[in-house]
Amino acid sequence: MMRTLIRAGAAFAALLALSSAASATTYSTDHTDLWYAGEAESGWGVNVIQQDDTLFATLFVYDSTTAPHWYVAPAVVPASTGSQTTFTGQLYSTTGPYFGATTFDPNSVTKTVVGAITFTFTGDTTGTLQYTINGATVRKTIVRQTWRNNVLSGNYLGGLTATGASCGGGTANGPILIFGLLTVQESTSQTAMTVQFTSNQGQASQCVFSGPYQQSGKLGSINGSWTCTTSNAGSFTMSAIEANQNGLTARFHGSDQFCTYDGFFGGVRDVPQ
């Protein structure tokens, strides 16, 4: 499959359609993470697991006696049909058998609705949380909690797939694919992603996307610059970068001297030779 982008004498092409590692959810940005209100509120937090359009949230707080307490919201769903930013559901308090008992008695487990919980995500890594427990309402600004940076370094098969817009004369310029061997190198201050591909003229070409990598919970981001041997050069942002043992994915927004681009960046990890 060949898709070509012609722009003011410059051209990009691809060898194959891009196939990259999948996110944990196809519904929206994956909100799975440990979220908290910052270092000033040590011991308070909410753990979120997302599957498709449903969040499962575990809230750990201090109760009115300052004792630690946790609540669970097993079905937090879009507040309105198709919403990808606001999710709401019931909040429960549960009791059960002693954890050190030799057997587990499921009949002793109880659950009680104590209120409601609503997440409103204002970005990939920020949001607000409002919850009510027995009539007491709490509202907090939340962010993803970061423990360690993901390691992206390695060899992949992948690259960039995007659509060009705002080109010469303000017209759209169709799809762009830069696909081939993707090499990621990291240092303490810079991450460089190099894609080696064959242009539609049959020439060996490469593009380098580089900038400082920032981690927020399980997601990363890069704001940097890109240059290509095809003469294209500009700036870009990769957001919602997710990485696992299979590969990496990201959303892409960038521009060069010809167009602006919106699309996806990623790759499947290459098998060691």
C-alpha atoms as a PDB file:
ATOM      1  CA  MET A   1       0.000   0.000   0.000  1.00  0.00           C
ATOM      2  CA  MET A   2       1.521   3.331  -1.097  1.00  0.00           C
ATOM      3  CA  ARG A   3       0.261   6.674   0.138  1.00  0.00           C
ATOM      4  CA  THR A   4       2.050   9.804  -1.027  1.00  0.00           C
ATOM      5  CA  LEU A   5       1.994  13.391   0.176  1.00  0.00           C
ATOM      6  CA  ILE A   6       3.114  16.075  -2.310  1.00  0.00           C
ATOM      7  CA  ARG A   7       3.881  19.498  -0.860  1.00  0.00           C
ATOM      8  CA  ALA A   8       5.555  22.353  -2.710  1.00  0.00           C
ATOM      9  CA  GLY A   9       8.159  20.105  -4.289  1.00  0.00           C
ATOM     10  CA  ALA A  10       8.647  17.879  -1.206  1.00  0.00           C
ATOM     11  CA  ALA A  11       7.276  14.358  -0.907  1.00  0.00           C
ATOM     12  CA  PHE A  12       6.854  11.667   1.736  1.00  0.00           C
ATOM     13  CA  ALA A  13       5.767   8.073   1.207  1.00  0.00           C
ATOM     14  CA  ALA A  14       5.419   4.840   3.133  1.00  0.00           C
ATOM     15  CA  LEU A  15       6.121   1.165   2.618  1.00  0.00           C
ATOM     16  CA  LEU A  16       3.310  -0.230   4.737  1.00  0.00           C
ATOM     17  CA  ALA A  17       0.362   0.844   6.861  1.00  0.00           C
ATOM     18  CA  LEU A  18       1.445   1.485  10.442  1.00  0.00           C
ATOM     19  CA  SER A  19       0.761  -1.267  12.974  1.00  0.00           C
ATOM     20  CA  SER A  20       1.478  -0.345  16.584  1.00  0.00           C
ATOM     21  CA  ALA A  21       0.922  -1.470  20.152  1.00  0.00           C
ATOM     22  CA  ALA A  22      -2.643  -1.025  21.336  1.00  0.00           C
ATOM     23  CA  SER A  23      -3.732   1.121  24.238  1.00  0.00           C
ATOM     24  CA  ALA A  24      -5.569  -0.496  27.128  1.00  0.00           C
ATOM     25  CA  THR A  25      -8.767   1.140  25.873  1.00  0.00           C
ATOM     26  CA  THR A  26     -10.015   2.163  22.457  1.00  0.00           C
ATOM     27  CA  TYR A  27     -12.749   4.434  23.847  1.00  0.00           C
ATOM     28  CA  SER A  28     -10.683   7.414  24.996  1.00  0.00           C
ATOM     29  CA  THR A  29      -7.371   8.401  26.508  1.00  0.00           C
ATOM     30  CA  ASP A  30      -6.546   5.612  28.939  1.00  0.00           C
ATOM     31  CA  HIS A  31      -7.255   7.029  32.406  1.00  0.00           C
ATOM     32  CA  THR A  32      -5.854   3.952  34.136  1.00  0.00           C
ATOM     33  CA  ASP A  33      -3.416   5.225  36.756  1.00  0.00           C
ATOM     34  CA  LEU A  34      -2.863   6.273  40.338  1.00  0.00           C
ATOM     35  CA  TRP A  35      -4.170   9.842  40.702  1.00  0.00           C
ATOM     36  CA  TYR A  36      -3.624  12.202  43.630  1.00  0.00           C
ATOM     37  CA  ALA A  37      -3.927  15.823  44.699  1.00  0.00           C
ATOM     38  CA  GLY A  38      -0.192  16.463  44.930  1.00  0.00           C
ATOM     39  CA  GLU A  39       2.498  16.032  47.558  1.00  0.00           C
ATOM     40  CA  ALA A  40       0.681  18.375  49.941  1.00  0.00           C
ATOM     41  CA  GLU A  41      -1.971  15.671  50.533  1.00  0.00           C
ATOM     42  CA  SER A  42       0.117  12.629  51.337  1.00  0.00           C
ATOM     43  CA  GLY A  43      -1.990   9.520  51.924  1.00  0.00           C
ATOM     44  CA  TRP A  44      -4.953  10.641  49.810  1.00  0.00           C
ATOM     45  CA  GLY A  45      -5.471   9.201  46.351  1.00  0.00           C
ATOM     46  CA  VAL A  46      -7.649   7.340  43.902  1.00  0.00           C
ATOM     47  CA  ASN A  47      -6.707   4.340  41.819  1.00  0.00           C
ATOM     48  CA  VAL A  48      -8.433   4.086  38.423  1.00  0.00           C
ATOM     49  CA  ILE A  49      -8.647   1.118  36.077  1.00  0.00           C
ATOM     50  CA  GLN A  50     -10.322   1.701  32.712  1.00  0.00           C
ATOM     51  CA  GLN A  51     -11.791  -0.929  30.400  1.00  0.00           C
ATOM     52  CA  ASP A  52     -13.446   0.483  27.266  1.00  0.00           C
ATOM     53  CA  ASP A  53     -15.814   3.236  28.536  1.00  0.00           C
ATOM     54  CA  THR A  54     -15.979   2.110  32.183  1.00  0.00           C
ATOM     55  CA  LEU A  55     -13.758   3.152  35.085  1.00  0.00           C
ATOM     56  CA  PHE A  56     -13.297   1.144  38.285  1.00  0.00           C
ATOM     57  CA  ALA A  57     -12.140   3.502  41.035  1.00  0.00           C
ATOM     58  CA  THR A  58     -10.776   2.782  44.502  1.00  0.00           C
ATOM     59  CA  LEU A  59     -10.653   5.841  46.759  1.00  0.00           C
ATOM     60  CA  PHE A  60      -8.387   5.802  49.812  1.00  0.00           C
ATOM     61  CA  VAL A  61      -8.977   8.593  52.324  1.00  0.00           C
ATOM     62  CA  TYR A  62      -9.096   9.353  56.054  1.00  0.00           C
ATOM     63  CA  ASP A  63     -12.468   9.237  57.788  1.00  0.00           C
ATOM     64  CA  SER A  64     -13.895  11.584  60.433  1.00  0.00           C
ATOM     65  CA  THR A  65     -11.797   9.870  63.130  1.00  0.00           C
ATOM     66  CA  THR A  66      -8.629  10.293  60.955  1.00  0.00           C
ATOM     67  CA  ALA A  67      -8.489   6.518  60.472  1.00  0.00           C
ATOM     68  CA  PRO A  68      -7.664   5.295  56.950  1.00  0.00           C
ATOM     69  CA  HIS A  69     -10.709   4.245  54.951  1.00  0.00           C
ATOM     70  CA  TRP A  70     -11.362   3.176  51.392  1.00  0.00           C
ATOM     71  CA  TYR A  71     -14.362   3.277  49.112  1.00  0.00           C
ATOM     72  CA  VAL A  72     -15.026   1.673  45.766  1.00  0.00           C
ATOM     73  CA  ALA A  73     -16.859   2.754  42.604  1.00  0.00           C
ATOM     74  CA  PRO A  74     -17.134  -0.313  40.357  1.00  0.00           C
ATOM     75  CA  ALA A  75     -19.046   1.208  37.430  1.00  0.00           C
ATOM     76  CA  VAL A  76     -18.087   4.796  36.628  1.00  0.00           C
ATOM     77  CA  VAL A  77     -19.425   5.466  33.131  1.00  0.00           C
ATOM     78  CA  PRO A  78     -19.715   8.414  30.705  1.00  0.00           C
ATOM     79  CA  ALA A  79     -21.946  11.127  32.174  1.00  0.00           C
ATOM     80  CA  SER A  80     -23.502  11.619  28.760  1.00  0.00           C
ATOM     81  CA  THR A  81     -23.538   9.451  25.667  1.00  0.00           C
ATOM     82  CA  GLY A  82     -20.118   9.449  24.032  1.00  0.00           C
ATOM     83  CA  SER A  83     -18.412  11.646  26.619  1.00  0.00           C
ATOM     84  CA  GLN A  84     -14.689  10.925  26.816  1.00  0.00           C
ATOM     85  CA  THR A  85     -13.929  13.393  29.609  1.00  0.00           C
ATOM     86  CA  THR A  86     -16.681  13.145  32.250  1.00  0.00           C
ATOM     87  CA  PHE A  87     -17.497   9.875  34.033  1.00  0.00           C
ATOM     88  CA  THR A  88     -19.827   9.317  36.971  1.00  0.00           C
ATOM     89  CA  GLY A  89     -21.117   6.498  39.156  1.00  0.00           C
ATOM     90  CA  GLN A  90     -22.137   5.352  42.609  1.00  0.00           C
ATOM     91  CA  LEU A  91     -19.659   5.139  45.488  1.00  0.00           C
ATOM     92  CA  TYR A  92     -19.800   2.248  47.945  1.00  0.00           C
ATOM     93  CA  SER A  93     -18.485   1.361  51.387  1.00  0.00           C
ATOM     94  CA  THR A  94     -17.890  -2.346  51.947  1.00  0.00           C
ATOM     95  CA  THR A  95     -17.256  -4.684  54.836  1.00  0.00           C
ATOM     96  CA  GLY A  96     -16.087  -8.266  54.878  1.00  0.00           C
ATOM     97  CA  PRO A  97     -14.379 -11.040  56.797  1.00  0.00           C
ATOM     98  CA  TYR A  98     -11.034 -10.623  58.540  1.00  0.00           C
ATOM     99  CA  PHE A  99      -8.185 -10.800  56.006  1.00  0.00           C
ATOM    100  CA  GLY A 100      -6.245 -13.208  58.214  1.00  0.00           C
ATOM    101  CA  ALA A 101      -9.069 -15.746  58.507  1.00  0.00           C
ATOM    102  CA  THR A 102      -8.258 -19.260  57.296  1.00  0.00           C
ATOM    103  CA  THR A 103     -11.377 -19.314  55.075  1.00  0.00           C
ATOM    104  CA  PHE A 104     -13.311 -16.629  53.220  1.00  0.00           C
ATOM    105  CA  ASP A 105     -17.029 -16.324  53.874  1.00  0.00           C
ATOM    106  CA  PRO A 106     -18.645 -14.465  50.917  1.00  0.00           C
ATOM    107  CA  ASN A 107     -21.909 -14.182  52.847  1.00  0.00           C
ATOM    108  CA  SER A 108     -20.272 -11.775  55.282  1.00  0.00           C
ATOM    109  CA  VAL A 109     -19.461  -9.249  52.540  1.00  0.00           C
ATOM    110  CA  THR A 110     -21.733  -6.199  52.492  1.00  0.00           C
ATOM    111  CA  LYS A 111     -21.855  -3.110  50.319  1.00  0.00           C
ATOM    112  CA  THR A 112     -23.582   0.182  51.026  1.00  0.00           C
ATOM    113  CA  VAL A 113     -24.115   3.125  48.688  1.00  0.00           C
ATOM    114  CA  VAL A 114     -22.648   6.165  50.449  1.00  0.00           C
ATOM    115  CA  GLY A 115     -22.795   8.694  47.610  1.00  0.00           C
ATOM    116  CA  ALA A 116     -21.556   9.398  44.100  1.00  0.00           C
ATOM    117  CA  ILE A 117     -18.262  10.078  42.343  1.00  0.00           C
ATOM    118  CA  THR A 118     -17.549  12.111  39.197  1.00  0.00           C
ATOM    119  CA  PHE A 119     -14.314  12.479  37.226  1.00  0.00           C
ATOM    120  CA  THR A 120     -13.900  15.383  34.823  1.00  0.00           C
ATOM    121  CA  PHE A 121     -10.642  15.070  32.907  1.00  0.00           C
ATOM    122  CA  THR A 122      -9.302  18.379  31.616  1.00  0.00           C
ATOM    123  CA  GLY A 123      -6.387  16.786  29.743  1.00  0.00           C
ATOM    124  CA  ASP A 124      -4.468  13.543  29.393  1.00  0.00           C
ATOM    125  CA  THR A 125      -2.829  13.996  32.795  1.00  0.00           C
ATOM    126  CA  THR A 126      -5.080  16.413  34.711  1.00  0.00           C
ATOM    127  CA  GLY A 127      -8.640  16.561  35.962  1.00  0.00           C
ATOM    128  CA  THR A 128     -11.028  17.209  38.814  1.00  0.00           C
ATOM    129  CA  LEU A 129     -12.692  14.705  41.117  1.00  0.00           C
ATOM    130  CA  GLN A 130     -15.895  15.306  43.042  1.00  0.00           C
ATOM    131  CA  TYR A 131     -17.330  12.768  45.430  1.00  0.00           C
ATOM    132  CA  THR A 132     -19.966  12.679  48.163  1.00  0.00           C
ATOM    133  CA  ILE A 133     -19.795  10.385  51.195  1.00  0.00           C
ATOM    134  CA  ASN A 134     -22.731  10.377  53.603  1.00  0.00           C
ATOM    135  CA  GLY A 135     -23.640  13.943  52.690  1.00  0.00           C
ATOM    136  CA  ALA A 136     -20.101  15.392  52.781  1.00  0.00           C
ATOM    137  CA  THR A 137     -19.001  16.637  49.345  1.00  0.00           C
ATOM    138  CA  VAL A 138     -15.335  16.921  48.374  1.00  0.00           C
ATOM    139  CA  ARG A 139     -13.845  18.414  45.209  1.00  0.00           C
ATOM    140  CA  LYS A 140     -10.164  18.128  44.292  1.00  0.00           C
ATOM    141  CA  THR A 141      -7.867  18.872  41.401  1.00  0.00           C
ATOM    142  CA  ILE A 142      -6.055  15.654  40.516  1.00  0.00           C
ATOM    143  CA  VAL A 143      -2.987  14.652  38.505  1.00  0.00           C
ATOM    144  CA  ARG A 144      -1.368  11.354  37.665  1.00  0.00           C
ATOM    145  CA  GLN A 145       1.197  10.211  40.218  1.00  0.00           C
ATOM    146  CA  THR A 146       4.628   9.396  38.810  1.00  0.00           C
ATOM    147  CA  TRP A 147       6.868   6.732  40.317  1.00  0.00           C
ATOM    148  CA  ARG A 148       9.295   5.888  37.518  1.00  0.00           C
ATOM    149  CA  ASN A 149       9.903   6.914  33.919  1.00  0.00           C
ATOM    150  CA  ASN A 150       9.142   4.448  31.155  1.00  0.00           C
ATOM    151  CA  VAL A 151      12.157   3.298  29.137  1.00  0.00           C
ATOM    152  CA  LEU A 152      11.518   3.822  25.425  1.00  0.00           C
ATOM    153  CA  SER A 153      14.970   2.978  24.057  1.00  0.00           C
ATOM    154  CA  GLY A 154      15.092   0.249  21.453  1.00  0.00           C
ATOM    155  CA  ASN A 155      14.380  -0.724  17.874  1.00  0.00           C
ATOM    156  CA  TYR A 156      10.854  -0.809  16.460  1.00  0.00           C
ATOM    157  CA  LEU A 157       9.004  -1.084  13.189  1.00  0.00           C
ATOM    158  CA  GLY A 158       6.825   1.988  12.929  1.00  0.00           C
ATOM    159  CA  GLY A 159       6.736   5.723  12.525  1.00  0.00           C
ATOM    160  CA  LEU A 160       4.209   8.466  11.804  1.00  0.00           C
ATOM    161  CA  THR A 161       0.762   8.423  10.222  1.00  0.00           C
ATOM    162  CA  ALA A 162      -1.014  11.780  10.006  1.00  0.00           C
ATOM    163  CA  THR A 163      -3.150  14.090   7.902  1.00  0.00           C
ATOM    164  CA  GLY A 164      -1.786  17.355   6.563  1.00  0.00           C
ATOM    165  CA  ALA A 165      -3.771  20.588   6.778  1.00  0.00           C
ATOM    166  CA  SER A 166      -3.224  24.351   6.482  1.00  0.00           C
ATOM    167  CA  CYS A 167      -0.837  23.782   3.617  1.00  0.00           C
ATOM    168  CA  GLY A 168      -0.050  26.269   0.855  1.00  0.00           C
ATOM    169  CA  GLY A 169      -3.182  28.261   0.131  1.00  0.00           C
ATOM    170  CA  GLY A 170      -4.822  26.942   3.290  1.00  0.00           C
ATOM    171  CA  THR A 171      -5.788  23.635   1.685  1.00  0.00           C
ATOM    172  CA  ALA A 172      -5.628  20.137   3.151  1.00  0.00           C
ATOM    173  CA  ASN A 173      -2.929  17.945   1.688  1.00  0.00           C
ATOM    174  CA  GLY A 174      -4.002  14.389   2.366  1.00  0.00           C
ATOM    175  CA  PRO A 175      -2.429  11.579   4.382  1.00  0.00           C
ATOM    176  CA  ILE A 176       1.211  11.178   5.290  1.00  0.00           C
ATOM    177  CA  LEU A 177       2.990   8.017   6.352  1.00  0.00           C
ATOM    178  CA  ILE A 178       6.636   7.744   7.370  1.00  0.00           C
ATOM    179  CA  PHE A 179       7.189   4.051   8.069  1.00  0.00           C
ATOM    180  CA  GLY A 180      10.240   1.861   8.491  1.00  0.00           C
ATOM    181  CA  LEU A 181      12.869   1.087  11.097  1.00  0.00           C
ATOM    182  CA  LEU A 182      12.222   3.250  14.164  1.00  0.00           C
ATOM    183  CA  THR A 183      15.139   3.673  16.566  1.00  0.00           C
ATOM    184  CA  VAL A 184      14.663   5.366  19.935  1.00  0.00           C
ATOM    185  CA  GLN A 185      17.664   6.669  21.880  1.00  0.00           C
ATOM    186  CA  GLU A 186      17.391   8.327  25.296  1.00  0.00           C
ATOM    187  CA  SER A 187      19.653  10.464  27.457  1.00  0.00           C
ATOM    188  CA  THR A 188      19.008  12.387  30.646  1.00  0.00           C
ATOM    189  CA  SER A 189      17.947  15.460  28.667  1.00  0.00           C
ATOM    190  CA  GLN A 190      16.835  14.271  25.248  1.00  0.00           C
ATOM    191  CA  THR A 191      14.908  11.527  23.472  1.00  0.00           C
ATOM    192  CA  ALA A 192      15.596  11.032  19.756  1.00  0.00           C
ATOM    193  CA  MET A 193      13.290   8.968  17.545  1.00  0.00           C
ATOM    194  CA  THR A 194      14.741   8.195  14.111  1.00  0.00           C
ATOM    195  CA  VAL A 195      12.603   6.708  11.340  1.00  0.00           C
ATOM    196  CA  GLN A 196      14.441   5.256   8.330  1.00  0.00           C
ATOM    197  CA  PHE A 197      12.180   4.807   5.302  1.00  0.00           C
ATOM    198  CA  THR A 198      12.158   4.761   1.498  1.00  0.00           C
ATOM    199  CA  SER A 199      10.738   7.794  -0.286  1.00  0.00           C
ATOM    200  CA  ASN A 200       8.395   7.515  -3.239  1.00  0.00           C
ATOM    201  CA  GLN A 201      11.412   8.226  -5.450  1.00  0.00           C
ATOM    202  CA  GLY A 202      13.024   5.070  -4.072  1.00  0.00           C
ATOM    203  CA  GLN A 203      15.603   6.981  -2.055  1.00  0.00           C
ATOM    204  CA  ALA A 204      16.737   6.009   1.441  1.00  0.00           C
ATOM    205  CA  SER A 205      15.481   8.754   3.765  1.00  0.00           C
ATOM    206  CA  GLN A 206      15.128   9.468   7.453  1.00  0.00           C
ATOM    207  CA  CYS A 207      13.350  11.786   9.869  1.00  0.00           C
ATOM    208  CA  VAL A 208      14.531  12.526  13.405  1.00  0.00           C
ATOM    209  CA  PHE A 209      12.054  13.642  16.103  1.00  0.00           C
ATOM    210  CA  SER A 210      13.838  14.861  19.244  1.00  0.00           C
ATOM    211  CA  GLY A 211      13.041  16.629  22.502  1.00  0.00           C
ATOM    212  CA  PRO A 212      12.977  16.195  26.291  1.00  0.00           C
ATOM    213  CA  TYR A 213      10.750  13.368  27.530  1.00  0.00           C
ATOM    214  CA  GLN A 214       8.341  14.118  30.395  1.00  0.00           C
ATOM    215  CA  GLN A 215       6.567  11.435  32.442  1.00  0.00           C
ATOM    216  CA  SER A 216       3.182  11.872  34.171  1.00  0.00           C
ATOM    217  CA  GLY A 217       1.930   8.650  35.707  1.00  0.00           C
ATOM    218  CA  LYS A 218       1.870   5.979  33.012  1.00  0.00           C
ATOM    219  CA  LEU A 219       1.830   8.534  30.158  1.00  0.00           C
ATOM    220  CA  GLY A 220       4.676  10.503  28.640  1.00  0.00           C
ATOM    221  CA  SER A 221       5.035  13.510  26.341  1.00  0.00           C
ATOM    222  CA  ILE A 222       7.675  15.143  24.155  1.00  0.00           C
ATOM    223  CA  ASN A 223       7.765  18.728  22.871  1.00  0.00           C
ATOM    224  CA  GLY A 224      10.542  19.105  20.351  1.00  0.00           C
ATOM    225  CA  SER A 225      11.708  19.561  16.775  1.00  0.00           C
ATOM    226  CA  TRP A 226      11.950  17.304  13.743  1.00  0.00           C
ATOM    227  CA  THR A 227      14.157  17.303  10.672  1.00  0.00           C
ATOM    228  CA  CYS A 228      14.174  15.071   7.606  1.00  0.00           C
ATOM    229  CA  THR A 229      16.593  14.381   4.770  1.00  0.00           C
ATOM    230  CA  THR A 230      13.661  15.234   2.461  1.00  0.00           C
ATOM    231  CA  SER A 231      14.134  18.904   3.564  1.00  0.00           C
ATOM    232  CA  ASN A 232      11.151  18.973   5.935  1.00  0.00           C
ATOM    233  CA  ALA A 233      11.782  20.572   9.339  1.00  0.00           C
ATOM    234  CA  GLY A 234       9.593  21.912  12.102  1.00  0.00           C
ATOM    235  CA  SER A 235       8.241  21.410  15.619  1.00  0.00           C
ATOM    236  CA  PHE A 236       5.980  18.767  17.136  1.00  0.00           C
ATOM    237  CA  THR A 237       4.239  17.512  20.252  1.00  0.00           C
ATOM    238  CA  MET A 238       3.789  13.838  21.095  1.00  0.00           C
ATOM    239  CA  SER A 239       1.244  13.315  23.854  1.00  0.00           C
ATOM    240  CA  ALA A 240      -0.305  10.335  25.652  1.00  0.00           C
ATOM    241  CA  ILE A 241       2.828   8.296  25.011  1.00  0.00           C
ATOM    242  CA  GLU A 242       2.273   4.756  26.253  1.00  0.00           C
ATOM    243  CA  ALA A 243       4.938   2.063  26.290  1.00  0.00           C
ATOM    244  CA  ASN A 244       4.987  -1.609  27.129  1.00  0.00           C
ATOM    245  CA  GLN A 245       6.979  -4.709  26.209  1.00  0.00           C
ATOM    246  CA  ASN A 246       5.230  -4.852  22.821  1.00  0.00           C
ATOM    247  CA  GLY A 247       5.916  -1.305  21.667  1.00  0.00           C
ATOM    248  CA  LEU A 248       4.819   2.304  22.029  1.00  0.00           C
ATOM    249  CA  THR A 249       2.044   4.635  20.864  1.00  0.00           C
ATOM    250  CA  ALA A 250       1.445   8.390  20.945  1.00  0.00           C
ATOM    251  CA  ARG A 251      -0.743  11.128  19.529  1.00  0.00           C
ATOM    252  CA  PHE A 252       1.086  13.524  17.211  1.00  0.00           C
ATOM    253  CA  HIS A 253       0.665  17.203  16.379  1.00  0.00           C
ATOM    254  CA  GLY A 254       3.306  19.041  14.403  1.00  0.00           C
ATOM    255  CA  SER A 255       4.154  21.430  11.618  1.00  0.00           C
ATOM    256  CA  ASP A 256       6.882  22.133   9.095  1.00  0.00           C
ATOM    257  CA  GLN A 257       7.446  24.758   6.405  1.00  0.00           C
ATOM    258  CA  PHE A 258       4.637  23.222   4.333  1.00  0.00           C
ATOM    259  CA  CYS A 259       1.743  22.048   6.534  1.00  0.00           C
ATOM    260  CA  THR A 260       0.443  21.232   9.989  1.00  0.00           C
ATOM    261  CA  TYR A 261      -0.173  17.591  10.879  1.00  0.00           C
ATOM    262  CA  ASP A 262      -2.371  15.639  13.273  1.00  0.00           C
ATOM    263  CA  GLY A 263      -2.158  11.894  13.695  1.00  0.00           C
ATOM    264  CA  PHE A 264      -0.413   9.076  15.505  1.00  0.00           C
ATOM    265  CA  PHE A 265       3.131   7.942  16.175  1.00  0.00           C
ATOM    266  CA  GLY A 266       4.229   4.514  17.354  1.00  0.00           C
ATOM    267  CA  GLY A 267       5.826   1.205  16.658  1.00  0.00           C
ATOM    268  CA  VAL A 268       5.940  -2.517  17.304  1.00  0.00           C
ATOM    269  CA  ARG A 269       9.116  -3.568  19.082  1.00  0.00           C
ATOM    270  CA  ASP A 270      11.540  -5.264  16.699  1.00  0.00           C
ATOM    271  CA  VAL A 271      12.571  -8.840  17.366  1.00  0.00           C
ATOM    272  CA  PRO A 272      16.292  -8.995  18.298  1.00  0.00           C
ATOM    273  CA  GLN A 273      18.378 -10.367  15.417  1.00  0.00           C
END
